[in-house]
Amino acid sequence: MYGIVNKAIEELVIANFGANKWEAIKLRSGVDVDYFISSEPYDDDLTFKLAQAVSNEMGMTLSAVLIAFGEWWVVKTTKDKYGGLMEAGGDNLKEFLINLPLFHNRVMLIYPKLTPPEFKVTEVTENSIHLHYFSKREGLQDFVRGIIQGLGIMYHTPVTISLIQTRDEGSSHEIFYVNW
């Protein structure tokens, strides 16, 4: 993952728990990086070590950490750093989710070494959608859930999310039922 992801984890921890807690998390994780460079790719394992260390240090489940991080990613990181890109996604939650399959094409112009997930939408109704999530990376479905929740916050649209299919149960990909 790119350094911007690890920087966002650092910013989330410092904003909510302080710089001392971040140092404790880095120590616990074994990650020996003083400063993450946003535009540089880092091994995915490093990001997972940080997330697990946050979980252990804060007494939270890894699921809760990934969901909180997904929300932070939308509400703070991407909105602050890439507001125009986010606004181009749509005028409301439904439009953004429908346009999501094309979103990473634009992101890849900024981060050419990105290995993005793929999204597909089906079962689109006035107030719900099935969001299909395909990724080579495992274990990030709660991060995606957090992103969807963050998009709901960004668009001032309360959402309910149900995971109706998962690779954890033998499926080829995850499907989220998103209702607003």
N, C-alpha and C. Protein backbone atom coordinates (compact mmCIF):
# COMPACT_ATOMS: atom_id res chain seq x y z
N MET A 1 0.84 -1.18 0.00
CA MET A 1 0.00 0.00 0.00
C MET A 1 0.89 1.24 0.00
N TYR A 2 0.32 2.29 -0.49
CA TYR A 2 1.08 3.53 -0.53
C TYR A 2 1.22 4.14 0.85
N GLY A 3 2.25 4.95 1.01
CA GLY A 3 2.54 5.60 2.28
C GLY A 3 1.40 6.44 2.81
N ILE A 4 0.58 6.97 1.91
CA ILE A 4 -0.55 7.78 2.35
C ILE A 4 -1.48 6.99 3.27
N VAL A 5 -1.57 5.68 3.05
CA VAL A 5 -2.42 4.84 3.90
C VAL A 5 -1.83 4.76 5.31
N ASN A 6 -0.54 4.51 5.39
CA ASN A 6 0.11 4.42 6.69
C ASN A 6 0.13 5.77 7.41
N LYS A 7 0.31 6.84 6.65
CA LYS A 7 0.25 8.18 7.24
C LYS A 7 -1.14 8.45 7.81
N ALA A 8 -2.15 7.98 7.13
CA ALA A 8 -3.52 8.19 7.60
C ALA A 8 -3.77 7.44 8.91
N ILE A 9 -3.22 6.23 9.03
CA ILE A 9 -3.34 5.49 10.29
C ILE A 9 -2.66 6.28 11.40
N GLU A 10 -1.47 6.79 11.12
CA GLU A 10 -0.75 7.60 12.09
C GLU A 10 -1.57 8.83 12.50
N GLU A 11 -2.13 9.54 11.52
CA GLU A 11 -2.93 10.74 11.81
C GLU A 11 -4.16 10.41 12.64
N LEU A 12 -4.81 9.29 12.33
CA LEU A 12 -5.99 8.87 13.10
C LEU A 12 -5.62 8.62 14.55
N VAL A 13 -4.54 7.89 14.77
CA VAL A 13 -4.11 7.57 16.14
C VAL A 13 -3.72 8.84 16.89
N ILE A 14 -2.91 9.69 16.28
CA ILE A 14 -2.46 10.91 16.96
C ILE A 14 -3.63 11.83 17.26
N ALA A 15 -4.55 11.98 16.31
CA ALA A 15 -5.70 12.87 16.52
C ALA A 15 -6.60 12.39 17.65
N ASN A 16 -6.72 11.08 17.81
CA ASN A 16 -7.64 10.54 18.81
C ASN A 16 -6.98 10.14 20.13
N PHE A 17 -5.68 9.79 20.08
CA PHE A 17 -5.04 9.25 21.28
C PHE A 17 -3.71 9.90 21.64
N GLY A 18 -3.16 10.71 20.73
CA GLY A 18 -1.92 11.42 21.03
C GLY A 18 -0.68 10.78 20.42
N ALA A 19 0.38 11.60 20.33
CA ALA A 19 1.65 11.16 19.73
C ALA A 19 2.32 10.05 20.52
N ASN A 20 2.20 10.09 21.86
CA ASN A 20 2.82 9.03 22.67
C ASN A 20 2.22 7.67 22.37
N LYS A 21 0.91 7.65 22.16
CA LYS A 21 0.23 6.38 21.84
C LYS A 21 0.70 5.88 20.46
N TRP A 22 0.90 6.80 19.53
CA TRP A 22 1.40 6.40 18.21
C TRP A 22 2.78 5.76 18.33
N GLU A 23 3.64 6.34 19.13
CA GLU A 23 4.98 5.78 19.32
C GLU A 23 4.89 4.38 19.94
N ALA A 24 3.98 4.20 20.89
CA ALA A 24 3.79 2.89 21.51
C ALA A 24 3.30 1.88 20.47
N ILE A 25 2.42 2.32 19.59
CA ILE A 25 1.88 1.43 18.54
C ILE A 25 2.99 1.05 17.56
N LYS A 26 3.80 2.01 17.16
CA LYS A 26 4.92 1.70 16.25
C LYS A 26 5.86 0.70 16.89
N LEU A 27 6.17 0.90 18.16
CA LEU A 27 7.06 0.00 18.88
C LEU A 27 6.45 -1.40 18.94
N ARG A 28 5.17 -1.48 19.30
CA ARG A 28 4.48 -2.78 19.39
C ARG A 28 4.44 -3.48 18.04
N SER A 29 4.28 -2.71 16.95
CA SER A 29 4.16 -3.30 15.62
C SER A 29 5.50 -3.77 15.05
N GLY A 30 6.59 -3.23 15.58
CA GLY A 30 7.89 -3.54 15.02
C GLY A 30 8.20 -2.77 13.75
N VAL A 31 7.35 -1.80 13.42
CA VAL A 31 7.56 -0.98 12.23
C VAL A 31 8.56 0.11 12.58
N ASP A 32 9.68 0.08 11.87
CA ASP A 32 10.76 1.02 12.16
C ASP A 32 10.89 2.03 11.02
N VAL A 33 9.84 2.83 10.83
CA VAL A 33 9.82 3.87 9.81
C VAL A 33 9.52 5.17 10.52
N ASP A 34 10.42 6.15 10.37
CA ASP A 34 10.21 7.43 11.05
C ASP A 34 9.15 8.28 10.37
N TYR A 35 9.12 8.23 9.05
CA TYR A 35 8.20 9.09 8.31
C TYR A 35 7.75 8.37 7.05
N PHE A 36 6.44 8.24 6.84
CA PHE A 36 5.91 7.60 5.65
C PHE A 36 5.80 8.62 4.52
N ILE A 37 6.31 8.27 3.37
CA ILE A 37 6.22 9.13 2.20
C ILE A 37 4.95 8.75 1.44
N SER A 38 4.03 9.69 1.30
CA SER A 38 2.71 9.42 0.73
C SER A 38 2.76 8.72 -0.62
N SER A 39 3.65 9.15 -1.48
CA SER A 39 3.67 8.65 -2.86
C SER A 39 4.51 7.38 -3.05
N GLU A 40 5.07 6.85 -1.96
CA GLU A 40 5.89 5.64 -2.06
C GLU A 40 5.11 4.39 -1.67
N PRO A 41 5.25 3.30 -2.42
CA PRO A 41 4.59 2.06 -2.02
C PRO A 41 5.35 1.38 -0.88
N TYR A 42 4.60 0.78 0.04
CA TYR A 42 5.16 0.01 1.15
C TYR A 42 4.51 -1.37 1.12
N ASP A 43 5.18 -2.32 1.71
CA ASP A 43 4.65 -3.68 1.77
C ASP A 43 3.33 -3.69 2.56
N ASP A 44 2.34 -4.42 2.06
CA ASP A 44 1.04 -4.51 2.73
C ASP A 44 1.19 -5.01 4.17
N ASP A 45 2.16 -5.89 4.38
CA ASP A 45 2.37 -6.47 5.70
C ASP A 45 2.62 -5.39 6.76
N LEU A 46 3.29 -4.33 6.37
CA LEU A 46 3.57 -3.23 7.29
C LEU A 46 2.26 -2.58 7.76
N THR A 47 1.35 -2.36 6.83
CA THR A 47 0.06 -1.75 7.15
C THR A 47 -0.75 -2.65 8.08
N PHE A 48 -0.74 -3.96 7.80
CA PHE A 48 -1.46 -4.89 8.65
C PHE A 48 -0.84 -4.96 10.05
N LYS A 49 0.49 -4.86 10.13
CA LYS A 49 1.14 -4.85 11.44
C LYS A 49 0.71 -3.62 12.25
N LEU A 50 0.63 -2.48 11.59
CA LEU A 50 0.18 -1.26 12.27
C LEU A 50 -1.26 -1.41 12.76
N ALA A 51 -2.14 -1.91 11.90
CA ALA A 51 -3.54 -2.08 12.28
C ALA A 51 -3.68 -3.06 13.46
N GLN A 52 -2.93 -4.16 13.43
CA GLN A 52 -2.98 -5.13 14.53
C GLN A 52 -2.43 -4.52 15.81
N ALA A 53 -1.38 -3.71 15.69
CA ALA A 53 -0.81 -3.06 16.87
C ALA A 53 -1.78 -2.05 17.47
N VAL A 54 -2.52 -1.33 16.63
CA VAL A 54 -3.55 -0.42 17.14
C VAL A 54 -4.59 -1.23 17.89
N SER A 55 -5.00 -2.35 17.32
CA SER A 55 -5.98 -3.22 17.95
C SER A 55 -5.50 -3.67 19.33
N ASN A 56 -4.27 -4.16 19.41
CA ASN A 56 -3.73 -4.65 20.67
C ASN A 56 -3.53 -3.53 21.68
N GLU A 57 -2.96 -2.43 21.24
CA GLU A 57 -2.65 -1.32 22.15
C GLU A 57 -3.91 -0.65 22.70
N MET A 58 -4.94 -0.56 21.86
CA MET A 58 -6.16 0.15 22.25
C MET A 58 -7.23 -0.78 22.81
N GLY A 59 -6.98 -2.09 22.79
CA GLY A 59 -7.98 -3.03 23.30
C GLY A 59 -9.23 -3.06 22.43
N MET A 60 -9.05 -2.88 21.13
CA MET A 60 -10.15 -2.90 20.17
C MET A 60 -10.01 -4.14 19.29
N THR A 61 -11.11 -4.58 18.73
CA THR A 61 -11.00 -5.67 17.76
C THR A 61 -10.36 -5.12 16.49
N LEU A 62 -9.73 -5.98 15.73
CA LEU A 62 -9.16 -5.56 14.46
C LEU A 62 -10.27 -5.05 13.54
N SER A 63 -11.42 -5.68 13.61
CA SER A 63 -12.57 -5.23 12.83
C SER A 63 -12.93 -3.78 13.14
N ALA A 64 -13.00 -3.44 14.42
CA ALA A 64 -13.33 -2.07 14.83
C ALA A 64 -12.27 -1.08 14.37
N VAL A 65 -11.01 -1.48 14.41
CA VAL A 65 -9.91 -0.62 13.95
C VAL A 65 -10.06 -0.35 12.46
N LEU A 66 -10.30 -1.39 11.68
CA LEU A 66 -10.41 -1.23 10.22
C LEU A 66 -11.64 -0.40 9.84
N ILE A 67 -12.75 -0.58 10.55
CA ILE A 67 -13.94 0.22 10.28
C ILE A 67 -13.67 1.70 10.60
N ALA A 68 -13.07 1.95 11.75
CA ALA A 68 -12.74 3.34 12.13
C ALA A 68 -11.78 3.95 11.13
N PHE A 69 -10.82 3.17 10.68
CA PHE A 69 -9.87 3.67 9.71
C PHE A 69 -10.54 3.97 8.38
N GLY A 70 -11.46 3.12 7.94
CA GLY A 70 -12.20 3.37 6.69
C GLY A 70 -12.98 4.67 6.75
N GLU A 71 -13.65 4.91 7.88
CA GLU A 71 -14.38 6.17 8.05
C GLU A 71 -13.41 7.35 7.99
N TRP A 72 -12.30 7.26 8.74
CA TRP A 72 -11.30 8.32 8.76
C TRP A 72 -10.76 8.59 7.36
N TRP A 73 -10.53 7.50 6.62
CA TRP A 73 -9.98 7.60 5.28
C TRP A 73 -10.85 8.50 4.41
N VAL A 74 -12.16 8.35 4.50
CA VAL A 74 -13.08 9.15 3.68
C VAL A 74 -13.26 10.55 4.27
N VAL A 75 -13.63 10.60 5.55
CA VAL A 75 -14.03 11.85 6.17
C VAL A 75 -12.86 12.82 6.32
N LYS A 76 -11.68 12.30 6.56
CA LYS A 76 -10.53 13.16 6.82
C LYS A 76 -9.49 13.11 5.70
N THR A 77 -8.92 11.95 5.46
CA THR A 77 -7.78 11.86 4.54
C THR A 77 -8.14 12.25 3.11
N THR A 78 -9.06 11.54 2.50
CA THR A 78 -9.33 11.82 1.09
C THR A 78 -10.07 13.14 0.91
N LYS A 79 -10.95 13.48 1.83
CA LYS A 79 -11.67 14.74 1.70
C LYS A 79 -10.71 15.93 1.81
N ASP A 80 -9.75 15.87 2.73
CA ASP A 80 -8.79 16.96 2.91
C ASP A 80 -7.76 17.01 1.77
N LYS A 81 -7.27 15.86 1.37
CA LYS A 81 -6.17 15.83 0.40
C LYS A 81 -6.64 15.74 -1.05
N TYR A 82 -7.79 15.16 -1.27
CA TYR A 82 -8.28 14.92 -2.63
C TYR A 82 -9.76 15.30 -2.76
N GLY A 83 -10.11 16.46 -2.21
CA GLY A 83 -11.51 16.90 -2.20
C GLY A 83 -12.14 16.93 -3.57
N GLY A 84 -11.40 17.47 -4.55
CA GLY A 84 -11.93 17.55 -5.91
C GLY A 84 -12.21 16.19 -6.50
N LEU A 85 -11.34 15.25 -6.24
CA LEU A 85 -11.52 13.89 -6.74
C LEU A 85 -12.76 13.26 -6.10
N MET A 86 -12.92 13.48 -4.81
CA MET A 86 -14.10 12.93 -4.11
C MET A 86 -15.38 13.58 -4.62
N GLU A 87 -15.37 14.89 -4.80
CA GLU A 87 -16.56 15.59 -5.28
C GLU A 87 -16.93 15.16 -6.69
N ALA A 88 -15.96 14.80 -7.49
CA ALA A 88 -16.23 14.35 -8.86
C ALA A 88 -16.95 13.00 -8.88
N GLY A 89 -16.95 12.31 -7.74
CA GLY A 89 -17.58 10.99 -7.67
C GLY A 89 -19.10 11.03 -7.72
N GLY A 90 -19.70 12.16 -7.40
CA GLY A 90 -21.15 12.26 -7.44
C GLY A 90 -21.68 13.29 -6.47
N ASP A 91 -22.94 13.65 -6.66
CA ASP A 91 -23.59 14.67 -5.82
C ASP A 91 -24.24 14.08 -4.58
N ASN A 92 -24.33 12.75 -4.52
CA ASN A 92 -24.95 12.10 -3.37
C ASN A 92 -24.37 10.70 -3.24
N LEU A 93 -24.72 10.04 -2.15
CA LEU A 93 -24.18 8.71 -1.88
C LEU A 93 -24.47 7.73 -3.00
N LYS A 94 -25.71 7.72 -3.48
CA LYS A 94 -26.09 6.77 -4.53
C LYS A 94 -25.23 6.98 -5.78
N GLU A 95 -25.06 8.23 -6.21
CA GLU A 95 -24.24 8.51 -7.39
C GLU A 95 -22.79 8.07 -7.17
N PHE A 96 -22.26 8.36 -5.97
CA PHE A 96 -20.87 7.98 -5.70
C PHE A 96 -20.71 6.47 -5.78
N LEU A 97 -21.62 5.73 -5.18
CA LEU A 97 -21.50 4.27 -5.21
C LEU A 97 -21.65 3.73 -6.63
N ILE A 98 -22.53 4.32 -7.42
CA ILE A 98 -22.69 3.88 -8.81
C ILE A 98 -21.42 4.19 -9.60
N ASN A 99 -20.77 5.31 -9.30
CA ASN A 99 -19.54 5.69 -10.00
C ASN A 99 -18.29 5.03 -9.43
N LEU A 100 -18.40 4.36 -8.31
CA LEU A 100 -17.25 3.76 -7.65
C LEU A 100 -16.43 2.82 -8.54
N PRO A 101 -17.06 2.03 -9.41
CA PRO A 101 -16.22 1.17 -10.27
C PRO A 101 -15.21 1.93 -11.12
N LEU A 102 -15.45 3.20 -11.41
CA LEU A 102 -14.54 4.00 -12.22
C LEU A 102 -13.58 4.83 -11.37
N PHE A 103 -13.84 4.92 -10.08
CA PHE A 103 -13.09 5.81 -9.19
C PHE A 103 -11.60 5.51 -9.18
N HIS A 104 -11.23 4.26 -9.06
CA HIS A 104 -9.81 3.91 -8.96
C HIS A 104 -9.05 4.15 -10.27
N ASN A 105 -9.75 4.23 -11.39
CA ASN A 105 -9.08 4.60 -12.64
C ASN A 105 -8.48 6.00 -12.50
N ARG A 106 -9.23 6.92 -11.88
CA ARG A 106 -8.72 8.27 -11.66
C ARG A 106 -7.61 8.27 -10.61
N VAL A 107 -7.76 7.46 -9.57
CA VAL A 107 -6.75 7.40 -8.51
C VAL A 107 -5.43 6.87 -9.07
N MET A 108 -5.50 5.94 -10.03
CA MET A 108 -4.28 5.37 -10.60
C MET A 108 -3.47 6.39 -11.39
N LEU A 109 -4.09 7.50 -11.77
CA LEU A 109 -3.32 8.58 -12.41
C LEU A 109 -2.38 9.24 -11.40
N ILE A 110 -2.79 9.24 -10.13
CA ILE A 110 -1.98 9.83 -9.06
C ILE A 110 -0.97 8.81 -8.53
N TYR A 111 -1.43 7.56 -8.38
CA TYR A 111 -0.61 6.49 -7.82
C TYR A 111 -0.50 5.35 -8.84
N PRO A 112 0.43 5.46 -9.80
CA PRO A 112 0.49 4.48 -10.90
C PRO A 112 0.83 3.05 -10.49
N LYS A 113 1.44 2.84 -9.33
CA LYS A 113 1.79 1.48 -8.90
C LYS A 113 0.69 0.85 -8.04
N LEU A 114 -0.44 1.52 -7.97
CA LEU A 114 -1.55 1.06 -7.14
C LEU A 114 -2.11 -0.27 -7.66
N THR A 115 -2.40 -1.16 -6.73
CA THR A 115 -3.14 -2.38 -7.05
C THR A 115 -4.51 -2.23 -6.41
N PRO A 116 -5.43 -1.58 -7.13
CA PRO A 116 -6.71 -1.25 -6.50
C PRO A 116 -7.68 -2.43 -6.48
N PRO A 117 -8.63 -2.34 -5.58
CA PRO A 117 -9.72 -3.32 -5.63
C PRO A 117 -10.64 -2.96 -6.80
N GLU A 118 -11.53 -3.86 -7.11
CA GLU A 118 -12.54 -3.58 -8.13
C GLU A 118 -13.90 -3.60 -7.46
N PHE A 119 -14.78 -2.76 -7.96
CA PHE A 119 -16.15 -2.71 -7.45
C PHE A 119 -17.11 -2.85 -8.61
N LYS A 120 -18.24 -3.44 -8.32
CA LYS A 120 -19.33 -3.57 -9.29
C LYS A 120 -20.62 -3.32 -8.51
N VAL A 121 -21.58 -2.69 -9.14
CA VAL A 121 -22.86 -2.45 -8.48
C VAL A 121 -23.97 -3.20 -9.20
N THR A 122 -24.87 -3.76 -8.42
CA THR A 122 -26.05 -4.44 -8.95
C THR A 122 -27.22 -4.09 -8.03
N GLU A 123 -28.40 -4.52 -8.45
CA GLU A 123 -29.61 -4.36 -7.62
C GLU A 123 -29.79 -2.92 -7.14
N VAL A 124 -29.62 -1.97 -8.04
CA VAL A 124 -29.75 -0.56 -7.68
C VAL A 124 -31.22 -0.19 -7.57
N THR A 125 -31.60 0.35 -6.40
CA THR A 125 -32.97 0.85 -6.20
C THR A 125 -32.86 2.31 -5.75
N GLU A 126 -33.98 2.90 -5.44
CA GLU A 126 -33.99 4.30 -5.01
C GLU A 126 -33.17 4.52 -3.75
N ASN A 127 -33.18 3.54 -2.83
CA ASN A 127 -32.46 3.74 -1.57
C ASN A 127 -31.60 2.55 -1.14
N SER A 128 -31.15 1.77 -2.12
CA SER A 128 -30.23 0.67 -1.77
C SER A 128 -29.44 0.23 -3.00
N ILE A 129 -28.40 -0.53 -2.71
CA ILE A 129 -27.53 -1.02 -3.78
C ILE A 129 -26.78 -2.25 -3.27
N HIS A 130 -26.44 -3.14 -4.16
CA HIS A 130 -25.51 -4.23 -3.84
C HIS A 130 -24.16 -3.81 -4.37
N LEU A 131 -23.18 -3.72 -3.48
CA LEU A 131 -21.83 -3.33 -3.85
C LEU A 131 -20.93 -4.56 -3.79
N HIS A 132 -20.41 -4.96 -4.94
CA HIS A 132 -19.53 -6.13 -5.04
C HIS A 132 -18.09 -5.64 -4.91
N TYR A 133 -17.32 -6.29 -4.04
CA TYR A 133 -15.94 -5.90 -3.75
C TYR A 133 -15.02 -7.05 -4.10
N PHE A 134 -14.12 -6.81 -5.05
CA PHE A 134 -13.14 -7.80 -5.49
C PHE A 134 -11.76 -7.25 -5.15
N SER A 135 -10.93 -8.05 -4.48
CA SER A 135 -9.58 -7.60 -4.15
C SER A 135 -8.64 -8.78 -4.05
N LYS A 136 -7.38 -8.54 -4.43
CA LYS A 136 -6.35 -9.56 -4.25
C LYS A 136 -5.94 -9.62 -2.79
N ARG A 137 -6.20 -8.54 -2.05
CA ARG A 137 -5.86 -8.48 -0.63
C ARG A 137 -7.00 -9.06 0.19
N GLU A 138 -6.66 -9.88 1.13
CA GLU A 138 -7.67 -10.44 2.02
C GLU A 138 -7.68 -9.67 3.33
N GLY A 139 -8.81 -9.70 4.00
CA GLY A 139 -8.90 -9.13 5.34
C GLY A 139 -9.24 -7.65 5.39
N LEU A 140 -9.67 -7.07 4.28
CA LEU A 140 -9.97 -5.64 4.28
C LEU A 140 -11.46 -5.31 4.14
N GLN A 141 -12.31 -6.31 4.27
CA GLN A 141 -13.74 -6.05 4.10
C GLN A 141 -14.27 -5.07 5.16
N ASP A 142 -13.71 -5.09 6.37
CA ASP A 142 -14.16 -4.13 7.38
C ASP A 142 -13.67 -2.72 7.06
N PHE A 143 -12.53 -2.60 6.42
CA PHE A 143 -12.06 -1.30 5.95
C PHE A 143 -13.04 -0.76 4.91
N VAL A 144 -13.50 -1.62 3.99
CA VAL A 144 -14.49 -1.21 2.99
C VAL A 144 -15.79 -0.80 3.68
N ARG A 145 -16.20 -1.55 4.68
CA ARG A 145 -17.41 -1.18 5.44
C ARG A 145 -17.24 0.22 6.03
N GLY A 146 -16.07 0.50 6.59
CA GLY A 146 -15.80 1.82 7.15
C GLY A 146 -15.82 2.90 6.08
N ILE A 147 -15.30 2.58 4.91
CA ILE A 147 -15.33 3.55 3.81
C ILE A 147 -16.78 3.87 3.43
N ILE A 148 -17.61 2.86 3.35
CA ILE A 148 -19.02 3.09 3.01
C ILE A 148 -19.67 3.95 4.09
N GLN A 149 -19.40 3.65 5.35
CA GLN A 149 -19.93 4.47 6.45
C GLN A 149 -19.41 5.89 6.35
N GLY A 150 -18.13 6.06 6.01
CA GLY A 150 -17.55 7.38 5.83
C GLY A 150 -18.21 8.15 4.71
N LEU A 151 -18.52 7.46 3.61
CA LEU A 151 -19.23 8.11 2.51
C LEU A 151 -20.62 8.57 2.96
N GLY A 152 -21.27 7.76 3.79
CA GLY A 152 -22.56 8.17 4.34
C GLY A 152 -22.43 9.45 5.15
N ILE A 153 -21.36 9.53 5.95
CA ILE A 153 -21.11 10.74 6.74
C ILE A 153 -20.83 11.92 5.81
N MET A 154 -19.99 11.71 4.81
CA MET A 154 -19.63 12.77 3.88
C MET A 154 -20.86 13.34 3.16
N TYR A 155 -21.79 12.47 2.81
CA TYR A 155 -22.99 12.90 2.10
C TYR A 155 -24.19 13.14 3.03
N HIS A 156 -23.94 13.12 4.33
CA HIS A 156 -25.00 13.36 5.32
C HIS A 156 -26.19 12.41 5.08
N THR A 157 -25.84 11.14 4.85
CA THR A 157 -26.83 10.12 4.54
C THR A 157 -26.58 8.91 5.44
N PRO A 158 -27.41 8.70 6.44
CA PRO A 158 -27.24 7.51 7.29
C PRO A 158 -27.35 6.23 6.46
N VAL A 159 -26.43 5.30 6.69
CA VAL A 159 -26.43 4.05 5.94
C VAL A 159 -26.52 2.85 6.88
N THR A 160 -27.09 1.80 6.35
CA THR A 160 -27.09 0.49 6.99
C THR A 160 -26.38 -0.44 6.02
N ILE A 161 -25.42 -1.20 6.54
CA ILE A 161 -24.60 -2.06 5.68
C ILE A 161 -24.69 -3.49 6.18
N SER A 162 -24.99 -4.40 5.27
CA SER A 162 -25.00 -5.82 5.60
C SER A 162 -24.07 -6.55 4.64
N LEU A 163 -23.26 -7.43 5.17
CA LEU A 163 -22.40 -8.27 4.34
C LEU A 163 -23.21 -9.51 3.98
N ILE A 164 -23.58 -9.63 2.70
CA ILE A 164 -24.45 -10.74 2.31
C ILE A 164 -23.70 -11.87 1.62
N GLN A 165 -22.44 -11.64 1.29
CA GLN A 165 -21.59 -12.69 0.73
C GLN A 165 -20.15 -12.36 1.07
N THR A 166 -19.35 -13.39 1.41
CA THR A 166 -17.96 -13.14 1.79
C THR A 166 -17.04 -14.28 1.37
N ARG A 167 -15.81 -13.93 1.10
CA ARG A 167 -14.80 -14.95 0.81
C ARG A 167 -14.55 -15.82 2.03
N ASP A 168 -14.80 -15.27 3.23
CA ASP A 168 -14.61 -16.05 4.45
C ASP A 168 -15.49 -17.29 4.48
N GLU A 169 -16.57 -17.28 3.68
CA GLU A 169 -17.49 -18.42 3.63
C GLU A 169 -17.44 -19.12 2.27
N GLY A 170 -16.33 -18.91 1.54
CA GLY A 170 -16.12 -19.63 0.30
C GLY A 170 -16.55 -18.93 -0.98
N SER A 171 -17.08 -17.73 -0.90
CA SER A 171 -17.48 -17.01 -2.10
C SER A 171 -16.25 -16.42 -2.80
N SER A 172 -16.45 -16.00 -4.03
CA SER A 172 -15.34 -15.45 -4.81
C SER A 172 -15.03 -13.99 -4.44
N HIS A 173 -15.99 -13.30 -3.81
CA HIS A 173 -15.82 -11.89 -3.46
C HIS A 173 -16.89 -11.50 -2.43
N GLU A 174 -16.76 -10.28 -1.90
CA GLU A 174 -17.74 -9.80 -0.94
C GLU A 174 -18.84 -9.02 -1.66
N ILE A 175 -20.05 -9.12 -1.11
CA ILE A 175 -21.16 -8.29 -1.56
C ILE A 175 -21.74 -7.61 -0.32
N PHE A 176 -21.78 -6.29 -0.38
CA PHE A 176 -22.40 -5.49 0.68
C PHE A 176 -23.76 -5.01 0.20
N TYR A 177 -24.76 -5.17 1.05
CA TYR A 177 -26.06 -4.56 0.81
C TYR A 177 -26.04 -3.24 1.54
N VAL A 178 -26.12 -2.15 0.80
CA VAL A 178 -26.06 -0.80 1.36
C VAL A 178 -27.43 -0.16 1.21
N ASN A 179 -27.97 0.27 2.33
CA ASN A 179 -29.31 0.86 2.37
C ASN A 179 -29.21 2.24 3.01
N TRP A 180 -29.92 3.22 2.45
CA TRP A 180 -29.91 4.58 3.02
C TRP A 180 -31.30 5.15 3.09
